Amino acid sequence: MKSSVKSKIWKKIQRHGPGWAFCAKDFLSEHPRNSVDTALFHLEKSGLIRKVCRGIYDYPIFSVILQELTPPNMDHVAAAIARNLNLEIQASGNAALNYLRLSTQVPARYTWLWTAAGRSFHIGKNHLHFQKASRKDFSPKLPQSRMLVQAIRVLGSDALATEMRNKLKASFSSEQWEQIRQDTTQVPTRIHKLICELAQT
């Protein structure tokens, strides 16, 4: 392997910044697979990157206060696993509530949705779980649309309290609500009806 390949891969990792998780596929558009694998092997051996599970690495963050590496960023790891397997993912309902700041509860486990069979990964002391979802859950294309739909599934759309409706409304601008309304025409009718109501008020 040419040393320049290792250098270029390391520079790309640095550009993404500490906490980024990645797989060999992230570099294959620029370098041969053998060169990428060799570069990642040497970068891991030197301690510059960390292997978090089979085929997935991260650029670890060092905590000055704790004087140790922090745990991997599970959002980044989930995204890297999805890219590695060529699958789309989105947040589960409870995670969506956190992203939208509608809940401060820490999920019992890290769960994402995808259209493949359910599967779990051990990431350090944590478990990362992918749950099989319907393709209809992936009909919206905007990330905010997908998070909103999953959040509404958890909250329930029939008797949603006024306070929660107001919080949902405040999560997006008027322009974003209109984009979400148009983007969610294929979701269940009861959910889209609520989205339309929120987009109008």
N, C-alpha and C. Protein backbone atom coordinates (compact mmCIF):
# COMPACT_ATOMS: atom_id res chain seq x y z
N MET A 1 0.83 -1.20 0.00
CA MET A 1 0.00 0.00 0.00
C MET A 1 0.87 1.24 0.00
N LYS A 2 0.52 2.20 -0.82
CA LYS A 2 1.24 3.46 -0.82
C LYS A 2 0.90 4.22 0.44
N SER A 3 1.91 4.83 1.05
CA SER A 3 1.69 5.57 2.28
C SER A 3 0.70 6.71 2.08
N SER A 4 0.59 7.23 0.83
CA SER A 4 -0.31 8.35 0.56
C SER A 4 -1.77 7.95 0.76
N VAL A 5 -2.10 6.68 0.55
CA VAL A 5 -3.48 6.23 0.74
C VAL A 5 -3.85 6.35 2.21
N LYS A 6 -2.99 5.86 3.07
CA LYS A 6 -3.22 5.97 4.51
C LYS A 6 -3.36 7.43 4.91
N SER A 7 -2.50 8.29 4.38
CA SER A 7 -2.53 9.71 4.71
C SER A 7 -3.84 10.36 4.24
N LYS A 8 -4.27 10.02 3.04
CA LYS A 8 -5.50 10.60 2.50
C LYS A 8 -6.73 10.15 3.29
N ILE A 9 -6.74 8.87 3.66
CA ILE A 9 -7.86 8.35 4.45
C ILE A 9 -7.89 9.02 5.82
N TRP A 10 -6.73 9.17 6.44
CA TRP A 10 -6.67 9.81 7.75
C TRP A 10 -7.13 11.27 7.67
N LYS A 11 -6.76 11.95 6.61
CA LYS A 11 -7.19 13.35 6.45
C LYS A 11 -8.70 13.44 6.27
N LYS A 12 -9.27 12.49 5.55
CA LYS A 12 -10.72 12.49 5.36
C LYS A 12 -11.42 12.25 6.69
N ILE A 13 -10.88 11.34 7.48
CA ILE A 13 -11.45 11.06 8.80
C ILE A 13 -11.38 12.31 9.67
N GLN A 14 -10.26 12.99 9.63
CA GLN A 14 -10.09 14.21 10.43
C GLN A 14 -11.06 15.30 9.99
N ARG A 15 -11.35 15.38 8.71
CA ARG A 15 -12.28 16.40 8.22
C ARG A 15 -13.68 16.19 8.81
N HIS A 16 -14.06 14.94 9.00
CA HIS A 16 -15.37 14.66 9.60
C HIS A 16 -15.38 14.98 11.10
N GLY A 17 -14.22 14.93 11.71
CA GLY A 17 -14.11 15.31 13.11
C GLY A 17 -14.26 14.15 14.08
N PRO A 18 -13.78 14.34 15.32
CA PRO A 18 -13.88 13.32 16.36
C PRO A 18 -15.33 12.89 16.58
N GLY A 19 -15.52 11.60 16.79
CA GLY A 19 -16.86 11.06 17.00
C GLY A 19 -17.44 10.41 15.76
N TRP A 20 -16.87 10.71 14.59
CA TRP A 20 -17.40 10.14 13.34
C TRP A 20 -17.14 8.65 13.29
N ALA A 21 -18.14 7.89 12.87
CA ALA A 21 -17.99 6.45 12.67
C ALA A 21 -18.05 6.16 11.17
N PHE A 22 -17.34 5.12 10.75
CA PHE A 22 -17.20 4.89 9.31
C PHE A 22 -16.90 3.43 9.03
N CYS A 23 -16.94 3.08 7.76
CA CYS A 23 -16.61 1.72 7.32
C CYS A 23 -15.74 1.83 6.08
N ALA A 24 -15.19 0.72 5.64
CA ALA A 24 -14.31 0.74 4.47
C ALA A 24 -15.01 1.30 3.24
N LYS A 25 -16.32 1.04 3.13
CA LYS A 25 -17.07 1.49 1.96
C LYS A 25 -17.03 3.01 1.79
N ASP A 26 -16.83 3.73 2.88
CA ASP A 26 -16.79 5.19 2.82
C ASP A 26 -15.59 5.72 2.03
N PHE A 27 -14.62 4.84 1.74
CA PHE A 27 -13.41 5.28 1.05
C PHE A 27 -13.20 4.59 -0.30
N LEU A 28 -14.11 3.70 -0.66
CA LEU A 28 -13.89 2.88 -1.86
C LEU A 28 -14.07 3.65 -3.17
N SER A 29 -14.71 4.80 -3.11
CA SER A 29 -14.85 5.59 -4.34
C SER A 29 -13.52 6.25 -4.72
N GLU A 30 -12.58 6.26 -3.78
CA GLU A 30 -11.30 6.93 -4.01
C GLU A 30 -10.10 5.99 -4.01
N HIS A 31 -10.25 4.82 -3.35
CA HIS A 31 -9.10 3.92 -3.21
C HIS A 31 -9.53 2.46 -3.37
N PRO A 32 -8.61 1.58 -3.81
CA PRO A 32 -8.92 0.14 -3.91
C PRO A 32 -9.20 -0.47 -2.54
N ARG A 33 -10.01 -1.53 -2.51
CA ARG A 33 -10.41 -2.13 -1.24
C ARG A 33 -9.21 -2.61 -0.43
N ASN A 34 -8.26 -3.27 -1.06
CA ASN A 34 -7.09 -3.77 -0.33
C ASN A 34 -6.32 -2.65 0.35
N SER A 35 -6.18 -1.53 -0.37
CA SER A 35 -5.45 -0.39 0.20
C SER A 35 -6.21 0.22 1.37
N VAL A 36 -7.54 0.28 1.25
CA VAL A 36 -8.36 0.82 2.33
C VAL A 36 -8.26 -0.07 3.57
N ASP A 37 -8.39 -1.37 3.38
CA ASP A 37 -8.33 -2.30 4.51
C ASP A 37 -6.97 -2.20 5.22
N THR A 38 -5.92 -2.11 4.43
CA THR A 38 -4.59 -2.02 5.01
C THR A 38 -4.41 -0.71 5.77
N ALA A 39 -4.92 0.38 5.19
CA ALA A 39 -4.81 1.68 5.84
C ALA A 39 -5.57 1.69 7.17
N LEU A 40 -6.76 1.14 7.17
CA LEU A 40 -7.56 1.11 8.41
C LEU A 40 -6.89 0.24 9.47
N PHE A 41 -6.28 -0.85 9.02
CA PHE A 41 -5.56 -1.73 9.96
C PHE A 41 -4.44 -0.96 10.66
N HIS A 42 -3.65 -0.23 9.88
CA HIS A 42 -2.52 0.50 10.46
C HIS A 42 -2.98 1.69 11.30
N LEU A 43 -4.05 2.36 10.89
CA LEU A 43 -4.57 3.48 11.67
C LEU A 43 -5.11 3.01 13.02
N GLU A 44 -5.75 1.82 13.01
CA GLU A 44 -6.24 1.26 14.27
C GLU A 44 -5.07 0.84 15.16
N LYS A 45 -4.09 0.20 14.56
CA LYS A 45 -2.93 -0.28 15.31
C LYS A 45 -2.19 0.89 15.96
N SER A 46 -2.18 2.03 15.29
CA SER A 46 -1.49 3.21 15.83
C SER A 46 -2.33 3.95 16.87
N GLY A 47 -3.59 3.55 17.02
CA GLY A 47 -4.45 4.17 18.02
C GLY A 47 -5.18 5.42 17.55
N LEU A 48 -5.06 5.73 16.28
CA LEU A 48 -5.72 6.92 15.75
C LEU A 48 -7.21 6.69 15.55
N ILE A 49 -7.59 5.46 15.22
CA ILE A 49 -9.00 5.12 15.09
C ILE A 49 -9.29 3.92 15.97
N ARG A 50 -10.57 3.64 16.20
CA ARG A 50 -10.97 2.54 17.09
C ARG A 50 -11.98 1.66 16.36
N LYS A 51 -11.81 0.35 16.48
CA LYS A 51 -12.78 -0.58 15.91
C LYS A 51 -13.89 -0.78 16.93
N VAL A 52 -15.14 -0.49 16.53
CA VAL A 52 -16.25 -0.57 17.48
C VAL A 52 -17.08 -1.84 17.29
N CYS A 53 -17.07 -2.40 16.11
CA CYS A 53 -17.66 -3.71 15.85
C CYS A 53 -17.16 -4.15 14.47
N ARG A 54 -17.54 -5.33 14.03
CA ARG A 54 -16.98 -5.85 12.79
C ARG A 54 -17.26 -4.92 11.62
N GLY A 55 -16.18 -4.43 11.01
CA GLY A 55 -16.27 -3.59 9.83
C GLY A 55 -16.56 -2.13 10.11
N ILE A 56 -16.72 -1.75 11.38
CA ILE A 56 -17.07 -0.37 11.73
C ILE A 56 -16.02 0.21 12.68
N TYR A 57 -15.59 1.41 12.38
CA TYR A 57 -14.59 2.11 13.18
C TYR A 57 -15.12 3.49 13.57
N ASP A 58 -14.43 4.13 14.52
CA ASP A 58 -14.74 5.53 14.78
C ASP A 58 -13.45 6.29 15.07
N TYR A 59 -13.57 7.61 14.99
CA TYR A 59 -12.48 8.52 15.34
C TYR A 59 -12.78 8.92 16.79
N PRO A 60 -12.18 8.25 17.76
CA PRO A 60 -12.59 8.40 19.15
C PRO A 60 -12.31 9.79 19.73
N ILE A 61 -13.16 10.15 20.67
CA ILE A 61 -13.01 11.41 21.39
C ILE A 61 -12.34 11.12 22.73
N PHE A 62 -11.31 11.89 23.05
CA PHE A 62 -10.63 11.73 24.33
C PHE A 62 -11.15 12.77 25.31
N SER A 63 -11.62 12.30 26.47
CA SER A 63 -12.12 13.20 27.51
C SER A 63 -10.96 13.64 28.41
N VAL A 64 -10.70 14.93 28.42
CA VAL A 64 -9.63 15.47 29.26
C VAL A 64 -9.99 15.30 30.73
N ILE A 65 -11.28 15.46 31.05
CA ILE A 65 -11.72 15.36 32.44
C ILE A 65 -11.58 13.93 32.95
N LEU A 66 -12.05 12.97 32.16
CA LEU A 66 -12.02 11.57 32.57
C LEU A 66 -10.69 10.90 32.27
N GLN A 67 -9.91 11.55 31.39
CA GLN A 67 -8.63 10.99 30.98
C GLN A 67 -8.79 9.60 30.35
N GLU A 68 -9.81 9.51 29.50
CA GLU A 68 -10.05 8.26 28.78
C GLU A 68 -10.90 8.54 27.55
N LEU A 69 -10.98 7.56 26.65
CA LEU A 69 -11.80 7.72 25.46
C LEU A 69 -13.27 7.62 25.84
N THR A 70 -14.09 8.47 25.25
CA THR A 70 -15.52 8.42 25.49
C THR A 70 -16.14 7.28 24.67
N PRO A 71 -17.31 6.78 25.07
CA PRO A 71 -17.97 5.73 24.29
C PRO A 71 -18.29 6.21 22.88
N PRO A 72 -18.42 5.30 21.94
CA PRO A 72 -18.75 5.69 20.57
C PRO A 72 -20.09 6.42 20.50
N ASN A 73 -20.22 7.33 19.54
CA ASN A 73 -21.48 8.02 19.28
C ASN A 73 -22.40 7.04 18.55
N MET A 74 -23.49 6.65 19.22
CA MET A 74 -24.33 5.59 18.68
C MET A 74 -25.08 6.01 17.41
N ASP A 75 -25.38 7.29 17.29
CA ASP A 75 -26.01 7.77 16.06
C ASP A 75 -25.07 7.58 14.87
N HIS A 76 -23.81 7.96 15.07
CA HIS A 76 -22.83 7.81 13.99
C HIS A 76 -22.56 6.34 13.68
N VAL A 77 -22.51 5.51 14.72
CA VAL A 77 -22.26 4.08 14.51
C VAL A 77 -23.43 3.46 13.74
N ALA A 78 -24.65 3.79 14.12
CA ALA A 78 -25.83 3.27 13.42
C ALA A 78 -25.81 3.66 11.95
N ALA A 79 -25.46 4.91 11.68
CA ALA A 79 -25.40 5.38 10.29
C ALA A 79 -24.32 4.65 9.51
N ALA A 80 -23.18 4.39 10.15
CA ALA A 80 -22.09 3.68 9.48
C ALA A 80 -22.48 2.24 9.16
N ILE A 81 -23.16 1.59 10.09
CA ILE A 81 -23.62 0.22 9.86
C ILE A 81 -24.59 0.19 8.68
N ALA A 82 -25.49 1.16 8.64
CA ALA A 82 -26.46 1.23 7.54
C ALA A 82 -25.76 1.44 6.20
N ARG A 83 -24.78 2.33 6.17
CA ARG A 83 -24.03 2.55 4.92
C ARG A 83 -23.29 1.29 4.51
N ASN A 84 -22.72 0.61 5.49
CA ASN A 84 -21.95 -0.60 5.20
C ASN A 84 -22.84 -1.69 4.60
N LEU A 85 -24.10 -1.75 5.03
CA LEU A 85 -25.03 -2.77 4.55
C LEU A 85 -25.94 -2.24 3.44
N ASN A 86 -25.71 -0.98 3.05
CA ASN A 86 -26.50 -0.36 1.99
C ASN A 86 -28.00 -0.35 2.33
N LEU A 87 -28.30 0.07 3.56
CA LEU A 87 -29.67 0.13 4.03
C LEU A 87 -29.98 1.52 4.57
N GLU A 88 -31.24 1.91 4.47
CA GLU A 88 -31.71 3.16 5.07
C GLU A 88 -32.13 2.90 6.50
N ILE A 89 -31.93 3.88 7.37
CA ILE A 89 -32.41 3.76 8.74
C ILE A 89 -33.12 5.05 9.13
N GLN A 90 -33.89 4.96 10.20
CA GLN A 90 -34.48 6.14 10.80
C GLN A 90 -34.70 5.88 12.27
N ALA A 91 -34.89 6.96 13.02
CA ALA A 91 -35.06 6.85 14.46
C ALA A 91 -36.35 6.13 14.82
N SER A 92 -36.30 5.36 15.89
CA SER A 92 -37.52 4.75 16.42
C SER A 92 -38.33 5.82 17.14
N GLY A 93 -39.54 5.47 17.57
CA GLY A 93 -40.43 6.45 18.18
C GLY A 93 -39.85 7.17 19.39
N ASN A 94 -39.31 6.42 20.36
CA ASN A 94 -38.78 7.04 21.57
C ASN A 94 -37.57 7.92 21.27
N ALA A 95 -36.73 7.47 20.35
CA ALA A 95 -35.58 8.29 19.96
C ALA A 95 -36.04 9.55 19.26
N ALA A 96 -37.08 9.44 18.43
CA ALA A 96 -37.63 10.61 17.73
C ALA A 96 -38.13 11.65 18.73
N LEU A 97 -38.76 11.19 19.82
CA LEU A 97 -39.22 12.12 20.85
C LEU A 97 -38.05 12.91 21.44
N ASN A 98 -36.91 12.23 21.62
CA ASN A 98 -35.72 12.92 22.14
C ASN A 98 -35.18 13.91 21.13
N TYR A 99 -35.08 13.50 19.86
CA TYR A 99 -34.55 14.39 18.84
C TYR A 99 -35.40 15.65 18.70
N LEU A 100 -36.72 15.49 18.86
CA LEU A 100 -37.63 16.62 18.74
C LEU A 100 -37.79 17.37 20.06
N ARG A 101 -37.05 16.94 21.09
CA ARG A 101 -37.07 17.56 22.42
C ARG A 101 -38.46 17.51 23.05
N LEU A 102 -39.15 16.42 22.79
CA LEU A 102 -40.46 16.21 23.39
C LEU A 102 -40.36 15.29 24.59
N SER A 103 -39.18 14.75 24.83
CA SER A 103 -38.94 13.87 25.97
C SER A 103 -37.48 13.97 26.36
N THR A 104 -37.23 13.84 27.66
CA THR A 104 -35.84 13.86 28.15
C THR A 104 -35.43 12.50 28.69
N GLN A 105 -36.32 11.52 28.55
CA GLN A 105 -36.00 10.18 29.03
C GLN A 105 -34.96 9.52 28.12
N VAL A 106 -33.99 8.88 28.73
CA VAL A 106 -32.97 8.17 27.97
C VAL A 106 -33.53 6.79 27.60
N PRO A 107 -33.55 6.45 26.30
CA PRO A 107 -34.08 5.14 25.91
C PRO A 107 -33.34 4.00 26.59
N ALA A 108 -34.07 2.94 26.92
CA ALA A 108 -33.46 1.78 27.58
C ALA A 108 -32.43 1.12 26.68
N ARG A 109 -32.66 1.20 25.38
CA ARG A 109 -31.68 0.68 24.44
C ARG A 109 -31.72 1.53 23.17
N TYR A 110 -30.65 1.50 22.44
CA TYR A 110 -30.56 2.29 21.22
C TYR A 110 -31.21 1.51 20.08
N THR A 111 -32.30 2.05 19.55
CA THR A 111 -33.07 1.34 18.53
C THR A 111 -33.30 2.22 17.31
N TRP A 112 -33.06 1.64 16.15
CA TRP A 112 -33.35 2.29 14.88
C TRP A 112 -34.25 1.37 14.05
N LEU A 113 -34.89 1.93 13.06
CA LEU A 113 -35.74 1.18 12.16
C LEU A 113 -35.08 1.03 10.81
N TRP A 114 -35.25 -0.15 10.20
CA TRP A 114 -34.86 -0.35 8.80
C TRP A 114 -35.77 -1.41 8.20
N THR A 115 -35.65 -1.68 6.91
CA THR A 115 -36.56 -2.62 6.25
C THR A 115 -36.03 -4.04 6.22
N ALA A 116 -34.83 -4.26 6.72
CA ALA A 116 -34.26 -5.61 6.77
C ALA A 116 -34.72 -6.31 8.05
N ALA A 117 -34.34 -7.57 8.20
CA ALA A 117 -34.69 -8.32 9.40
C ALA A 117 -34.05 -7.68 10.63
N GLY A 118 -34.70 -7.84 11.79
CA GLY A 118 -34.17 -7.28 13.02
C GLY A 118 -32.78 -7.83 13.34
N ARG A 119 -31.94 -6.98 13.91
CA ARG A 119 -30.56 -7.38 14.18
C ARG A 119 -29.98 -6.50 15.28
N SER A 120 -29.13 -7.08 16.12
CA SER A 120 -28.50 -6.32 17.20
C SER A 120 -26.98 -6.37 17.08
N PHE A 121 -26.34 -5.32 17.57
CA PHE A 121 -24.88 -5.22 17.56
C PHE A 121 -24.42 -4.84 18.96
N HIS A 122 -23.31 -5.42 19.39
CA HIS A 122 -22.71 -5.06 20.67
C HIS A 122 -21.68 -3.96 20.40
N ILE A 123 -21.91 -2.80 21.00
CA ILE A 123 -21.00 -1.67 20.85
C ILE A 123 -20.49 -1.31 22.24
N GLY A 124 -19.32 -1.82 22.59
CA GLY A 124 -18.81 -1.60 23.93
C GLY A 124 -19.74 -2.23 24.96
N LYS A 125 -20.23 -1.42 25.89
CA LYS A 125 -21.15 -1.90 26.91
C LYS A 125 -22.61 -1.74 26.48
N ASN A 126 -22.82 -1.21 25.29
CA ASN A 126 -24.18 -0.94 24.83
C ASN A 126 -24.63 -1.93 23.76
N HIS A 127 -25.95 -1.99 23.59
CA HIS A 127 -26.54 -2.80 22.53
C HIS A 127 -27.24 -1.86 21.55
N LEU A 128 -26.95 -2.04 20.30
CA LEU A 128 -27.57 -1.24 19.25
C LEU A 128 -28.49 -2.17 18.48
N HIS A 129 -29.77 -1.84 18.46
CA HIS A 129 -30.77 -2.73 17.85
C HIS A 129 -31.42 -2.08 16.65
N PHE A 130 -31.54 -2.87 15.58
CA PHE A 130 -32.26 -2.43 14.39
C PHE A 130 -33.54 -3.26 14.28
N GLN A 131 -34.65 -2.59 14.20
CA GLN A 131 -35.95 -3.24 14.17
C GLN A 131 -36.55 -3.16 12.77
N LYS A 132 -37.10 -4.28 12.30
CA LYS A 132 -37.71 -4.30 10.97
C LYS A 132 -38.95 -3.42 10.97
N ALA A 133 -39.06 -2.58 9.95
CA ALA A 133 -40.21 -1.69 9.81
C ALA A 133 -40.80 -1.83 8.42
N SER A 134 -42.02 -1.38 8.29
CA SER A 134 -42.70 -1.41 7.00
C SER A 134 -42.06 -0.42 6.04
N ARG A 135 -42.10 -0.74 4.77
CA ARG A 135 -41.57 0.19 3.76
C ARG A 135 -42.34 1.51 3.77
N LYS A 136 -43.60 1.46 4.23
CA LYS A 136 -44.39 2.69 4.30
C LYS A 136 -43.77 3.68 5.28
N ASP A 137 -43.07 3.15 6.30
CA ASP A 137 -42.41 4.04 7.25
C ASP A 137 -41.30 4.85 6.58
N PHE A 138 -40.86 4.37 5.43
CA PHE A 138 -39.79 5.06 4.72
C PHE A 138 -40.30 5.85 3.51
N SER A 139 -41.62 5.96 3.38
CA SER A 139 -42.17 6.72 2.26
C SER A 139 -41.86 8.22 2.36
N PRO A 140 -41.89 8.82 3.57
CA PRO A 140 -41.43 10.21 3.65
C PRO A 140 -39.93 10.28 3.37
N LYS A 141 -39.52 11.31 2.71
CA LYS A 141 -38.10 11.45 2.36
C LYS A 141 -37.34 12.39 3.29
N LEU A 142 -38.05 13.33 3.90
CA LEU A 142 -37.39 14.29 4.77
C LEU A 142 -37.14 13.69 6.15
N PRO A 143 -35.95 13.86 6.72
CA PRO A 143 -35.66 13.32 8.06
C PRO A 143 -36.65 13.83 9.11
N GLN A 144 -37.03 15.11 9.03
CA GLN A 144 -37.95 15.65 10.02
C GLN A 144 -39.34 15.03 9.88
N SER A 145 -39.73 14.66 8.65
CA SER A 145 -41.01 13.99 8.44
C SER A 145 -41.00 12.63 9.11
N ARG A 146 -39.94 11.89 8.91
CA ARG A 146 -39.84 10.55 9.47
C ARG A 146 -39.84 10.59 10.99
N MET A 147 -39.08 11.54 11.57
CA MET A 147 -39.06 11.65 13.03
C MET A 147 -40.43 12.01 13.57
N LEU A 148 -41.12 12.92 12.89
CA LEU A 148 -42.44 13.35 13.34
C LEU A 148 -43.43 12.20 13.31
N VAL A 149 -43.43 11.42 12.24
CA VAL A 149 -44.35 10.29 12.12
C VAL A 149 -44.11 9.28 13.24
N GLN A 150 -42.85 8.97 13.50
CA GLN A 150 -42.54 8.00 14.55
C GLN A 150 -42.90 8.54 15.93
N ALA A 151 -42.71 9.84 16.14
CA ALA A 151 -43.07 10.45 17.42
C ALA A 151 -44.58 10.38 17.63
N ILE A 152 -45.35 10.65 16.58
CA ILE A 152 -46.80 10.62 16.68
C ILE A 152 -47.29 9.20 16.96
N ARG A 153 -46.60 8.21 16.39
CA ARG A 153 -46.97 6.82 16.66
C ARG A 153 -46.91 6.53 18.16
N VAL A 154 -45.86 7.04 18.82
CA VAL A 154 -45.69 6.80 20.25
C VAL A 154 -46.71 7.60 21.06
N LEU A 155 -46.91 8.85 20.68
CA LEU A 155 -47.80 9.74 21.44
C LEU A 155 -49.27 9.40 21.24
N GLY A 156 -49.59 8.89 20.05
CA GLY A 156 -51.00 8.66 19.72
C GLY A 156 -51.58 9.90 19.09
N SER A 157 -52.32 9.75 18.04
CA SER A 157 -52.83 10.91 17.30
C SER A 157 -54.27 11.25 17.62
N ASP A 158 -55.00 10.36 18.29
CA ASP A 158 -56.43 10.56 18.49
C ASP A 158 -56.76 11.53 19.63
N ALA A 159 -56.03 11.43 20.71
CA ALA A 159 -56.35 12.27 21.87
C ALA A 159 -55.10 13.00 22.37
N LEU A 160 -54.37 13.59 21.45
CA LEU A 160 -53.13 14.26 21.79
C LEU A 160 -53.44 15.54 22.57
N ALA A 161 -52.85 15.69 23.73
CA ALA A 161 -53.12 16.85 24.59
C ALA A 161 -52.70 18.14 23.91
N THR A 162 -53.40 19.21 24.28
CA THR A 162 -53.13 20.52 23.68
C THR A 162 -51.68 20.94 23.90
N GLU A 163 -51.15 20.67 25.09
CA GLU A 163 -49.76 21.04 25.39
C GLU A 163 -48.79 20.35 24.45
N MET A 164 -49.02 19.06 24.19
CA MET A 164 -48.12 18.34 23.30
C MET A 164 -48.30 18.79 21.87
N ARG A 165 -49.53 19.11 21.47
CA ARG A 165 -49.76 19.65 20.13
C ARG A 165 -48.97 20.95 19.94
N ASN A 166 -48.97 21.78 20.97
CA ASN A 166 -48.24 23.05 20.89
C ASN A 166 -46.73 22.81 20.78
N LYS A 167 -46.24 21.81 21.52
CA LYS A 167 -44.82 21.48 21.44
C LYS A 167 -44.46 20.95 20.05
N LEU A 168 -45.32 20.10 19.51
CA LEU A 168 -45.08 19.59 18.16
C LEU A 168 -45.08 20.74 17.16
N LYS A 169 -46.06 21.63 17.30
CA LYS A 169 -46.17 22.76 16.38
C LYS A 169 -44.90 23.61 16.39
N ALA A 170 -44.36 23.81 17.60
CA ALA A 170 -43.18 24.66 17.75
C ALA A 170 -41.90 24.00 17.27
N SER A 171 -41.97 22.71 16.94
CA SER A 171 -40.76 21.98 16.53
C SER A 171 -40.28 22.40 15.13
N PHE A 172 -41.19 22.95 14.32
CA PHE A 172 -40.84 23.30 12.95
C PHE A 172 -41.42 24.65 12.56
N SER A 173 -40.81 25.28 11.59
CA SER A 173 -41.31 26.55 11.07
C SER A 173 -42.52 26.30 10.17
N SER A 174 -43.23 27.35 9.80
CA SER A 174 -44.39 27.23 8.91
C SER A 174 -43.99 26.62 7.57
N GLU A 175 -42.84 27.04 7.07
CA GLU A 175 -42.35 26.51 5.79
C GLU A 175 -42.04 25.02 5.90
N GLN A 176 -41.43 24.62 7.01
CA GLN A 176 -41.11 23.21 7.22
C GLN A 176 -42.38 22.38 7.35
N TRP A 177 -43.38 22.93 8.04
CA TRP A 177 -44.64 22.19 8.20
C TRP A 177 -45.29 21.93 6.85
N GLU A 178 -45.22 22.89 5.95
CA GLU A 178 -45.81 22.69 4.63
C GLU A 178 -45.04 21.62 3.86
N GLN A 179 -43.73 21.62 4.00
CA GLN A 179 -42.92 20.59 3.34
C GLN A 179 -43.25 19.21 3.92
N ILE A 180 -43.41 19.15 5.23
CA ILE A 180 -43.74 17.88 5.89
C ILE A 180 -45.12 17.41 5.46
N ARG A 181 -46.07 18.32 5.38
CA ARG A 181 -47.42 17.95 4.96
C ARG A 181 -47.41 17.29 3.58
N GLN A 182 -46.65 17.87 2.66
CA GLN A 182 -46.58 17.34 1.31
C GLN A 182 -45.78 16.04 1.25
N ASP A 183 -44.87 15.88 2.19
CA ASP A 183 -43.96 14.73 2.19
C ASP A 183 -44.58 13.49 2.84
N THR A 184 -45.70 13.66 3.54
CA THR A 184 -46.26 12.56 4.33
C THR A 184 -47.62 12.08 3.82
N THR A 185 -47.89 12.27 2.56
CA THR A 185 -49.20 11.89 2.02
C THR A 185 -49.42 10.37 2.02
N GLN A 186 -48.34 9.59 2.10
CA GLN A 186 -48.46 8.13 2.05
C GLN A 186 -48.49 7.47 3.42
N VAL A 187 -48.38 8.25 4.48
CA VAL A 187 -48.42 7.66 5.83
C VAL A 187 -49.87 7.38 6.20
N PRO A 188 -50.12 6.61 7.27
CA PRO A 188 -51.50 6.33 7.68
C PRO A 188 -52.35 7.59 7.77
N THR A 189 -53.61 7.47 7.39
CA THR A 189 -54.50 8.62 7.29
C THR A 189 -54.61 9.40 8.59
N ARG A 190 -54.74 8.70 9.73
CA ARG A 190 -54.91 9.39 11.00
C ARG A 190 -53.70 10.24 11.35
N ILE A 191 -52.50 9.76 10.97
CA ILE A 191 -51.28 10.52 11.26
C ILE A 191 -51.18 11.73 10.33
N HIS A 192 -51.51 11.51 9.06
CA HIS A 192 -51.42 12.63 8.11
C HIS A 192 -52.47 13.69 8.43
N LYS A 193 -53.62 13.26 8.92
CA LYS A 193 -54.67 14.22 9.31
C LYS A 193 -54.16 15.15 10.40
N LEU A 194 -53.49 14.58 11.41
CA LEU A 194 -52.93 15.40 12.49
C LEU A 194 -51.86 16.32 11.96
N ILE A 195 -51.02 15.82 11.07
CA ILE A 195 -49.96 16.66 10.48
C ILE A 195 -50.58 17.84 9.74
N CYS A 196 -51.64 17.59 8.99
CA CYS A 196 -52.32 18.67 8.28
C CYS A 196 -52.90 19.70 9.24
N GLU A 197 -53.45 19.23 10.36
CA GLU A 197 -54.00 20.14 11.36
C GLU A 197 -52.91 21.00 11.97
N LEU A 198 -51.77 20.38 12.28
CA LEU A 198 -50.66 21.14 12.86
C LEU A 198 -50.06 22.11 11.86
N ALA A 199 -50.07 21.74 10.59
CA ALA A 199 -49.51 22.61 9.55
C ALA A 199 -50.37 23.85 9.31
N GLN A 200 -51.66 23.75 9.67
CA GLN A 200 -52.58 24.87 9.43
C GLN A 200 -52.72 25.81 10.61
N THR A 201 -52.48 25.32 11.81
CA THR A 201 -52.72 26.16 12.99
C THR A 201 -51.58 27.11 13.26
